[in-house]
Amino acid sequence: MAHLAEKAAMTGKKLVIALAGIGAIALFFIFDLERFFTLETLKNDRQALQAYYSGHKALTVAAFMAVYVVQTALSLPGAAILSLAAGAIFGPLLGTVYANLSATVGATIAFLATRYLLRDAVLAKFGPKLAGLDRELEERGLNYLLFLRLVPVFPFFLINLAAGLTRLPLRTFVIGTMAGIIPGGFVYCNAGASLATVTSLGEIASHRVLGSFALLGFFAVAPAIYVKVKEGRSREKQDRTKQ
């Protein structure tokens, strides 16, 4: 009986958290808050933001990071604009630090929320099919996560949610996210420091920049691929010996 009560209470907590998240996302779109996360708005407000930062440094940093954390945790649009804003307000180096920390904290919240709310249900349905992936991520998850963070093949928020459904250790997720988003974050923050020259978000992530990220991603995942190939060859040798 006590077990059932405890399970019901846990289900109630999960429901409250899920409803709170859904409600916050709904309010974002109902009040059209996305209009504040545009390149045009940032350019128009840049001087005012810089002036406010000059007189209220700690408050500006805290407010910026809070907004970035919430945006990332709820997978809302606007990450690119916030990274540009970080560079425009704080400069490329400090902007990268603040944006990186905020994005990592927000991604970790999304990761934990997904694991807390959805993992049990997913395992109940796909447990055996996920066993191999879970084992791989537990052993060499950092390499794969670095690759996914460096090479923008999948959306940032999707990686947060997908990783939460696996057995990837929290520590590995935090380290991989924080390290993997540094190059991309710096590119946007550096562009934000020269905001007047930016005419569209698309021009920031040029083919050359994406190619560089892909190369970095390859170096990140290469050790895992090497180990995988080596293990495959060892198994083949063992099979031949048995025959």
C-alpha atoms as a PDB file:
ATOM      1  CA  MET A   1       0.000   0.000   0.000  1.00  0.00           C
ATOM      2  CA  ALA A   2       2.797   2.381   0.924  1.00  0.00           C
ATOM      3  CA  HIS A   3       4.550   1.501  -2.322  1.00  0.00           C
ATOM      4  CA  LEU A   4       1.452   2.406  -4.319  1.00  0.00           C
ATOM      5  CA  ALA A   5       1.112   5.720  -2.479  1.00  0.00           C
ATOM      6  CA  GLU A   6       4.765   6.523  -3.128  1.00  0.00           C
ATOM      7  CA  LYS A   7       4.365   5.652  -6.810  1.00  0.00           C
ATOM      8  CA  ALA A   8       1.244   7.828  -7.078  1.00  0.00           C
ATOM      9  CA  ALA A   9       3.064  10.752  -5.445  1.00  0.00           C
ATOM     10  CA  MET A  10       5.967  10.351  -7.871  1.00  0.00           C
ATOM     11  CA  THR A  11       3.565  10.260 -10.813  1.00  0.00           C
ATOM     12  CA  GLY A  12       1.894  13.402  -9.488  1.00  0.00           C
ATOM     13  CA  LYS A  13       5.234  15.230  -9.273  1.00  0.00           C
ATOM     14  CA  LYS A  14       6.105  14.225 -12.828  1.00  0.00           C
ATOM     15  CA  LEU A  15       2.725  15.446 -14.033  1.00  0.00           C
ATOM     16  CA  VAL A  16       3.172  18.817 -12.307  1.00  0.00           C
ATOM     17  CA  ILE A  17       6.638  19.294 -13.826  1.00  0.00           C
ATOM     18  CA  ALA A  18       5.395  18.316 -17.282  1.00  0.00           C
ATOM     19  CA  LEU A  19       2.396  20.663 -17.064  1.00  0.00           C
ATOM     20  CA  ALA A  20       4.592  23.525 -15.836  1.00  0.00           C
ATOM     21  CA  GLY A  21       6.948  23.068 -18.787  1.00  0.00           C
ATOM     22  CA  ILE A  22       4.120  22.823 -21.300  1.00  0.00           C
ATOM     23  CA  GLY A  23       2.455  25.886 -19.766  1.00  0.00           C
ATOM     24  CA  ALA A  24       5.638  27.955 -19.994  1.00  0.00           C
ATOM     25  CA  ILE A  25       6.129  26.975 -23.642  1.00  0.00           C
ATOM     26  CA  ALA A  26       2.493  27.817 -24.420  1.00  0.00           C
ATOM     27  CA  LEU A  27       2.816  31.257 -22.789  1.00  0.00           C
ATOM     28  CA  PHE A  28       5.944  31.968 -24.842  1.00  0.00           C
ATOM     29  CA  PHE A  29       4.002  31.541 -28.077  1.00  0.00           C
ATOM     30  CA  ILE A  30       0.703  33.026 -26.838  1.00  0.00           C
ATOM     31  CA  PHE A  31       2.427  36.310 -25.958  1.00  0.00           C
ATOM     32  CA  ASP A  32       4.586  36.125 -29.103  1.00  0.00           C
ATOM     33  CA  LEU A  33       7.800  36.496 -27.105  1.00  0.00           C
ATOM     34  CA  GLU A  34       9.705  35.186 -30.120  1.00  0.00           C
ATOM     35  CA  ARG A  35       9.542  38.732 -31.544  1.00  0.00           C
ATOM     36  CA  PHE A  36      12.226  39.745 -29.027  1.00  0.00           C
ATOM     37  CA  PHE A  37      14.603  37.077 -30.372  1.00  0.00           C
ATOM     38  CA  THR A  38      15.238  38.477 -33.839  1.00  0.00           C
ATOM     39  CA  LEU A  39      18.320  39.992 -35.428  1.00  0.00           C
ATOM     40  CA  GLU A  40      16.488  43.247 -36.122  1.00  0.00           C
ATOM     41  CA  THR A  41      15.368  43.611 -32.494  1.00  0.00           C
ATOM     42  CA  LEU A  42      18.883  42.917 -31.223  1.00  0.00           C
ATOM     43  CA  LYS A  43      20.385  45.524 -33.547  1.00  0.00           C
ATOM     44  CA  ASN A  44      17.811  48.114 -32.476  1.00  0.00           C
ATOM     45  CA  ASP A  45      18.331  47.448 -28.757  1.00  0.00           C
ATOM     46  CA  ARG A  46      22.088  46.899 -28.760  1.00  0.00           C
ATOM     47  CA  GLN A  47      23.115  50.360 -27.535  1.00  0.00           C
ATOM     48  CA  ALA A  48      20.490  50.344 -24.796  1.00  0.00           C
ATOM     49  CA  LEU A  49      21.624  46.916 -23.620  1.00  0.00           C
ATOM     50  CA  GLN A  50      25.277  47.969 -23.605  1.00  0.00           C
ATOM     51  CA  ALA A  51      24.428  51.131 -21.664  1.00  0.00           C
ATOM     52  CA  TYR A  52      22.483  49.152 -19.076  1.00  0.00           C
ATOM     53  CA  TYR A  53      25.346  46.675 -18.759  1.00  0.00           C
ATOM     54  CA  SER A  54      27.785  49.518 -18.086  1.00  0.00           C
ATOM     55  CA  GLY A  55      25.771  50.586 -15.038  1.00  0.00           C
ATOM     56  CA  HIS A  56      24.483  47.197 -13.863  1.00  0.00           C
ATOM     57  CA  LYS A  57      27.052  44.545 -14.783  1.00  0.00           C
ATOM     58  CA  ALA A  58      26.112  41.773 -12.324  1.00  0.00           C
ATOM     59  CA  LEU A  59      22.370  42.192 -12.851  1.00  0.00           C
ATOM     60  CA  THR A  60      22.738  42.159 -16.643  1.00  0.00           C
ATOM     61  CA  VAL A  61      24.847  38.999 -16.591  1.00  0.00           C
ATOM     62  CA  ALA A  62      22.425  37.277 -14.195  1.00  0.00           C
ATOM     63  CA  ALA A  63      19.368  38.271 -16.245  1.00  0.00           C
ATOM     64  CA  PHE A  64      20.996  37.207 -19.515  1.00  0.00           C
ATOM     65  CA  MET A  65      22.036  33.814 -18.146  1.00  0.00           C
ATOM     66  CA  ALA A  66      18.609  33.225 -16.616  1.00  0.00           C
ATOM     67  CA  VAL A  67      16.890  33.907 -19.943  1.00  0.00           C
ATOM     68  CA  TYR A  68      19.370  31.682 -21.804  1.00  0.00           C
ATOM     69  CA  VAL A  69      18.955  28.837 -19.300  1.00  0.00           C
ATOM     70  CA  VAL A  70      15.155  28.949 -19.560  1.00  0.00           C
ATOM     71  CA  GLN A  71      15.279  29.163 -23.375  1.00  0.00           C
ATOM     72  CA  THR A  72      17.543  26.111 -23.574  1.00  0.00           C
ATOM     73  CA  ALA A  73      15.786  24.085 -20.885  1.00  0.00           C
ATOM     74  CA  LEU A  74      12.407  24.526 -22.603  1.00  0.00           C
ATOM     75  CA  SER A  75      13.854  24.102 -26.127  1.00  0.00           C
ATOM     76  CA  LEU A  76      12.478  27.476 -27.211  1.00  0.00           C
ATOM     77  CA  PRO A  77      13.651  29.357 -30.316  1.00  0.00           C
ATOM     78  CA  GLY A  78      16.284  32.073 -29.963  1.00  0.00           C
ATOM     79  CA  ALA A  79      19.583  30.399 -29.050  1.00  0.00           C
ATOM     80  CA  ALA A  80      21.476  31.923 -31.991  1.00  0.00           C
ATOM     81  CA  ILE A  81      20.194  35.427 -31.176  1.00  0.00           C
ATOM     82  CA  LEU A  82      21.108  35.025 -27.509  1.00  0.00           C
ATOM     83  CA  SER A  83      24.646  33.988 -28.469  1.00  0.00           C
ATOM     84  CA  LEU A  84      24.912  37.024 -30.741  1.00  0.00           C
ATOM     85  CA  ALA A  85      23.591  39.174 -27.898  1.00  0.00           C
ATOM     86  CA  ALA A  86      26.240  37.759 -25.554  1.00  0.00           C
ATOM     87  CA  GLY A  87      28.978  38.861 -27.941  1.00  0.00           C
ATOM     88  CA  ALA A  88      27.347  42.241 -28.571  1.00  0.00           C
ATOM     89  CA  ILE A  89      26.918  43.047 -24.865  1.00  0.00           C
ATOM     90  CA  PHE A  90      29.824  41.317 -23.116  1.00  0.00           C
ATOM     91  CA  GLY A  91      32.382  40.930 -25.910  1.00  0.00           C
ATOM     92  CA  PRO A  92      33.476  37.707 -27.664  1.00  0.00           C
ATOM     93  CA  LEU A  93      35.397  36.109 -24.773  1.00  0.00           C
ATOM     94  CA  LEU A  94      33.142  36.852 -21.806  1.00  0.00           C
ATOM     95  CA  GLY A  95      30.130  36.403 -24.059  1.00  0.00           C
ATOM     96  CA  THR A  96      31.292  32.892 -24.945  1.00  0.00           C
ATOM     97  CA  VAL A  97      31.788  32.044 -21.262  1.00  0.00           C
ATOM     98  CA  TYR A  98      28.331  33.269 -20.220  1.00  0.00           C
ATOM     99  CA  ALA A  99      26.579  31.704 -23.209  1.00  0.00           C
ATOM    100  CA  ASN A 100      28.424  28.405 -22.754  1.00  0.00           C
ATOM    101  CA  LEU A 101      27.604  28.112 -19.066  1.00  0.00           C
ATOM    102  CA  SER A 102      23.957  29.070 -19.646  1.00  0.00           C
ATOM    103  CA  ALA A 103      23.488  26.660 -22.540  1.00  0.00           C
ATOM    104  CA  THR A 104      25.136  23.840 -20.578  1.00  0.00           C
ATOM    105  CA  VAL A 105      22.931  24.402 -17.521  1.00  0.00           C
ATOM    106  CA  GLY A 106      19.792  24.646 -19.677  1.00  0.00           C
ATOM    107  CA  ALA A 107      20.717  21.534 -21.652  1.00  0.00           C
ATOM    108  CA  THR A 108      21.370  19.639 -18.414  1.00  0.00           C
ATOM    109  CA  ILE A 109      17.927  20.613 -17.074  1.00  0.00           C
ATOM    110  CA  ALA A 110      16.323  19.371 -20.305  1.00  0.00           C
ATOM    111  CA  PHE A 111      18.391  16.171 -20.104  1.00  0.00           C
ATOM    112  CA  LEU A 112      17.351  15.491 -16.502  1.00  0.00           C
ATOM    113  CA  ALA A 113      13.713  16.405 -17.116  1.00  0.00           C
ATOM    114  CA  THR A 114      13.537  13.981 -20.024  1.00  0.00           C
ATOM    115  CA  ARG A 115      15.212  11.231 -17.998  1.00  0.00           C
ATOM    116  CA  TYR A 116      12.963  11.883 -15.003  1.00  0.00           C
ATOM    117  CA  LEU A 117       9.711  12.158 -16.963  1.00  0.00           C
ATOM    118  CA  LEU A 118      10.078   9.843 -19.953  1.00  0.00           C
ATOM    119  CA  ARG A 119      12.877   7.304 -19.497  1.00  0.00           C
ATOM    120  CA  ASP A 120      10.825   4.702 -17.599  1.00  0.00           C
ATOM    121  CA  ALA A 121       8.067   4.754 -20.212  1.00  0.00           C
ATOM    122  CA  VAL A 122      10.555   4.482 -23.083  1.00  0.00           C
ATOM    123  CA  LEU A 123      12.457   1.638 -21.414  1.00  0.00           C
ATOM    124  CA  ALA A 124       9.226  -0.242 -20.778  1.00  0.00           C
ATOM    125  CA  LYS A 125       8.485  -0.196 -24.485  1.00  0.00           C
ATOM    126  CA  PHE A 126      11.928  -0.265 -26.146  1.00  0.00           C
ATOM    127  CA  GLY A 127      14.177  -1.552 -23.351  1.00  0.00           C
ATOM    128  CA  PRO A 128      15.783  -4.511 -25.200  1.00  0.00           C
ATOM    129  CA  LYS A 129      16.318  -2.440 -28.358  1.00  0.00           C
ATOM    130  CA  LEU A 130      18.058   0.329 -26.405  1.00  0.00           C
ATOM    131  CA  ALA A 131      20.321  -2.008 -24.418  1.00  0.00           C
ATOM    132  CA  GLY A 132      23.145  -1.983 -27.003  1.00  0.00           C
ATOM    133  CA  LEU A 133      22.988   1.788 -27.475  1.00  0.00           C
ATOM    134  CA  ASP A 134      22.948   2.336 -23.714  1.00  0.00           C
ATOM    135  CA  ARG A 135      26.023   0.150 -23.256  1.00  0.00           C
ATOM    136  CA  GLU A 136      27.879   1.969 -26.052  1.00  0.00           C
ATOM    137  CA  LEU A 137      27.033   5.404 -24.659  1.00  0.00           C
ATOM    138  CA  GLU A 138      28.002   4.388 -21.145  1.00  0.00           C
ATOM    139  CA  GLU A 139      31.443   3.234 -22.333  1.00  0.00           C
ATOM    140  CA  ARG A 140      32.274   5.774 -25.056  1.00  0.00           C
ATOM    141  CA  GLY A 141      29.516   8.345 -24.796  1.00  0.00           C
ATOM    142  CA  LEU A 142      31.824  11.358 -24.498  1.00  0.00           C
ATOM    143  CA  ASN A 143      33.267  10.836 -27.985  1.00  0.00           C
ATOM    144  CA  TYR A 144      29.853  10.496 -29.587  1.00  0.00           C
ATOM    145  CA  LEU A 145      28.418  13.463 -27.706  1.00  0.00           C
ATOM    146  CA  LEU A 146      31.359  15.675 -28.686  1.00  0.00           C
ATOM    147  CA  PHE A 147      30.811  14.701 -32.309  1.00  0.00           C
ATOM    148  CA  LEU A 148      27.102  15.553 -32.130  1.00  0.00           C
ATOM    149  CA  ARG A 149      27.803  18.895 -30.436  1.00  0.00           C
ATOM    150  CA  LEU A 150      30.552  19.900 -32.843  1.00  0.00           C
ATOM    151  CA  VAL A 151      28.817  18.833 -36.045  1.00  0.00           C
ATOM    152  CA  PRO A 152      25.335  20.384 -36.325  1.00  0.00           C
ATOM    153  CA  VAL A 153      23.722  17.284 -37.838  1.00  0.00           C
ATOM    154  CA  PHE A 154      20.908  17.218 -35.276  1.00  0.00           C
ATOM    155  CA  PRO A 155      19.265  20.188 -33.502  1.00  0.00           C
ATOM    156  CA  PHE A 156      20.767  21.083 -30.124  1.00  0.00           C
ATOM    157  CA  PHE A 157      17.526  20.502 -28.218  1.00  0.00           C
ATOM    158  CA  LEU A 158      16.967  17.100 -29.843  1.00  0.00           C
ATOM    159  CA  ILE A 159      20.331  15.846 -28.589  1.00  0.00           C
ATOM    160  CA  ASN A 160      19.414  16.957 -25.050  1.00  0.00           C
ATOM    161  CA  LEU A 161      16.145  15.043 -25.152  1.00  0.00           C
ATOM    162  CA  ALA A 162      17.543  11.938 -26.878  1.00  0.00           C
ATOM    163  CA  ALA A 163      20.492  11.705 -24.473  1.00  0.00           C
ATOM    164  CA  GLY A 164      18.107  11.854 -21.518  1.00  0.00           C
ATOM    165  CA  LEU A 165      16.426   8.684 -22.747  1.00  0.00           C
ATOM    166  CA  THR A 166      19.696   6.748 -22.653  1.00  0.00           C
ATOM    167  CA  ARG A 167      22.004   5.629 -19.849  1.00  0.00           C
ATOM    168  CA  LEU A 168      24.589   8.280 -20.700  1.00  0.00           C
ATOM    169  CA  PRO A 169      26.117   9.411 -17.373  1.00  0.00           C
ATOM    170  CA  LEU A 170      25.183  12.950 -16.272  1.00  0.00           C
ATOM    171  CA  ARG A 171      28.848  13.896 -15.797  1.00  0.00           C
ATOM    172  CA  THR A 172      29.657  12.809 -19.353  1.00  0.00           C
ATOM    173  CA  PHE A 173      26.711  14.792 -20.716  1.00  0.00           C
ATOM    174  CA  VAL A 174      27.775  17.975 -18.899  1.00  0.00           C
ATOM    175  CA  ILE A 175      31.440  17.719 -19.912  1.00  0.00           C
ATOM    176  CA  GLY A 176      30.643  16.777 -23.513  1.00  0.00           C
ATOM    177  CA  THR A 177      28.111  19.573 -23.876  1.00  0.00           C
ATOM    178  CA  MET A 178      30.292  22.250 -22.306  1.00  0.00           C
ATOM    179  CA  ALA A 179      33.348  21.340 -24.388  1.00  0.00           C
ATOM    180  CA  GLY A 180      31.485  20.584 -27.599  1.00  0.00           C
ATOM    181  CA  ILE A 181      29.631  23.892 -27.880  1.00  0.00           C
ATOM    182  CA  ILE A 182      32.663  26.138 -27.295  1.00  0.00           C
ATOM    183  CA  PRO A 183      33.663  26.482 -30.998  1.00  0.00           C
ATOM    184  CA  GLY A 184      30.142  27.209 -32.248  1.00  0.00           C
ATOM    185  CA  GLY A 185      29.420  29.517 -29.331  1.00  0.00           C
ATOM    186  CA  PHE A 186      32.570  31.523 -29.966  1.00  0.00           C
ATOM    187  CA  VAL A 187      31.721  31.898 -33.663  1.00  0.00           C
ATOM    188  CA  TYR A 188      28.344  33.452 -32.816  1.00  0.00           C
ATOM    189  CA  CYS A 189      29.655  35.578 -29.932  1.00  0.00           C
ATOM    190  CA  ASN A 190      32.493  36.842 -32.090  1.00  0.00           C
ATOM    191  CA  ALA A 191      29.986  37.739 -34.796  1.00  0.00           C
ATOM    192  CA  GLY A 192      27.855  39.497 -32.177  1.00  0.00           C
ATOM    193  CA  ALA A 193      30.791  41.681 -31.211  1.00  0.00           C
ATOM    194  CA  SER A 194      30.663  43.005 -34.809  1.00  0.00           C
ATOM    195  CA  LEU A 195      26.880  42.997 -34.977  1.00  0.00           C
ATOM    196  CA  ALA A 196      26.634  45.868 -37.441  1.00  0.00           C
ATOM    197  CA  THR A 197      28.225  43.712 -40.155  1.00  0.00           C
ATOM    198  CA  VAL A 198      25.817  40.794 -39.659  1.00  0.00           C
ATOM    199  CA  THR A 199      22.903  40.857 -42.109  1.00  0.00           C
ATOM    200  CA  SER A 200      21.533  37.334 -41.535  1.00  0.00           C
ATOM    201  CA  LEU A 201      22.056  34.354 -39.249  1.00  0.00           C
ATOM    202  CA  GLY A 202      22.813  32.120 -42.215  1.00  0.00           C
ATOM    203  CA  GLU A 203      25.990  33.979 -43.122  1.00  0.00           C
ATOM    204  CA  ILE A 204      27.551  33.319 -39.712  1.00  0.00           C
ATOM    205  CA  ALA A 205      27.707  29.535 -40.105  1.00  0.00           C
ATOM    206  CA  SER A 206      29.405  29.473 -43.500  1.00  0.00           C
ATOM    207  CA  HIS A 207      30.382  26.276 -45.319  1.00  0.00           C
ATOM    208  CA  ARG A 208      33.996  26.827 -44.263  1.00  0.00           C
ATOM    209  CA  VAL A 209      33.013  27.119 -40.597  1.00  0.00           C
ATOM    210  CA  LEU A 210      30.783  24.045 -40.779  1.00  0.00           C
ATOM    211  CA  GLY A 211      33.579  22.135 -42.496  1.00  0.00           C
ATOM    212  CA  SER A 212      35.948  23.035 -39.659  1.00  0.00           C
ATOM    213  CA  PHE A 213      33.412  21.805 -37.111  1.00  0.00           C
ATOM    214  CA  ALA A 214      33.002  18.576 -39.062  1.00  0.00           C
ATOM    215  CA  LEU A 215      36.767  18.043 -38.939  1.00  0.00           C
ATOM    216  CA  LEU A 216      36.815  18.647 -35.195  1.00  0.00           C
ATOM    217  CA  GLY A 217      33.895  16.250 -34.851  1.00  0.00           C
ATOM    218  CA  PHE A 218      35.785  13.568 -36.747  1.00  0.00           C
ATOM    219  CA  PHE A 219      38.782  13.894 -34.416  1.00  0.00           C
ATOM    220  CA  ALA A 220      36.412  13.627 -31.443  1.00  0.00           C
ATOM    221  CA  VAL A 221      34.749  10.422 -32.612  1.00  0.00           C
ATOM    222  CA  ALA A 222      37.846   8.820 -34.200  1.00  0.00           C
ATOM    223  CA  PRO A 223      39.044   7.098 -30.970  1.00  0.00           C
ATOM    224  CA  ALA A 224      35.627   5.479 -30.464  1.00  0.00           C
ATOM    225  CA  ILE A 225      35.570   4.281 -34.079  1.00  0.00           C
ATOM    226  CA  TYR A 226      39.100   2.892 -33.711  1.00  0.00           C
ATOM    227  CA  VAL A 227      38.180   0.952 -30.564  1.00  0.00           C
ATOM    228  CA  LYS A 228      35.013  -0.336 -32.231  1.00  0.00           C
ATOM    229  CA  VAL A 229      36.923  -1.562 -35.289  1.00  0.00           C
ATOM    230  CA  LYS A 230      39.636  -3.105 -33.120  1.00  0.00           C
ATOM    231  CA  GLU A 231      37.046  -4.982 -31.044  1.00  0.00           C
ATOM    232  CA  GLY A 232      35.367  -6.218 -34.227  1.00  0.00           C
ATOM    233  CA  ARG A 233      38.664  -7.588 -35.548  1.00  0.00           C
ATOM    234  CA  SER A 234      39.417  -9.256 -32.210  1.00  0.00           C
ATOM    235  CA  ARG A 235      36.050 -11.006 -32.287  1.00  0.00           C
ATOM    236  CA  GLU A 236      36.680 -12.159 -35.856  1.00  0.00           C
ATOM    237  CA  LYS A 237      40.041 -13.644 -34.829  1.00  0.00           C
ATOM    238  CA  GLN A 238      38.443 -15.409 -31.874  1.00  0.00           C
ATOM    239  CA  ASP A 239      35.741 -16.854 -34.117  1.00  0.00           C
ATOM    240  CA  ARG A 240      38.351 -18.140 -36.588  1.00  0.00           C
ATOM    241  CA  THR A 241      40.349 -19.709 -33.745  1.00  0.00           C
ATOM    242  CA  LYS A 242      37.246 -21.537 -32.492  1.00  0.00           C
ATOM    243  CA  GLN A 243      36.557 -22.866 -35.970  1.00  0.00           C
END
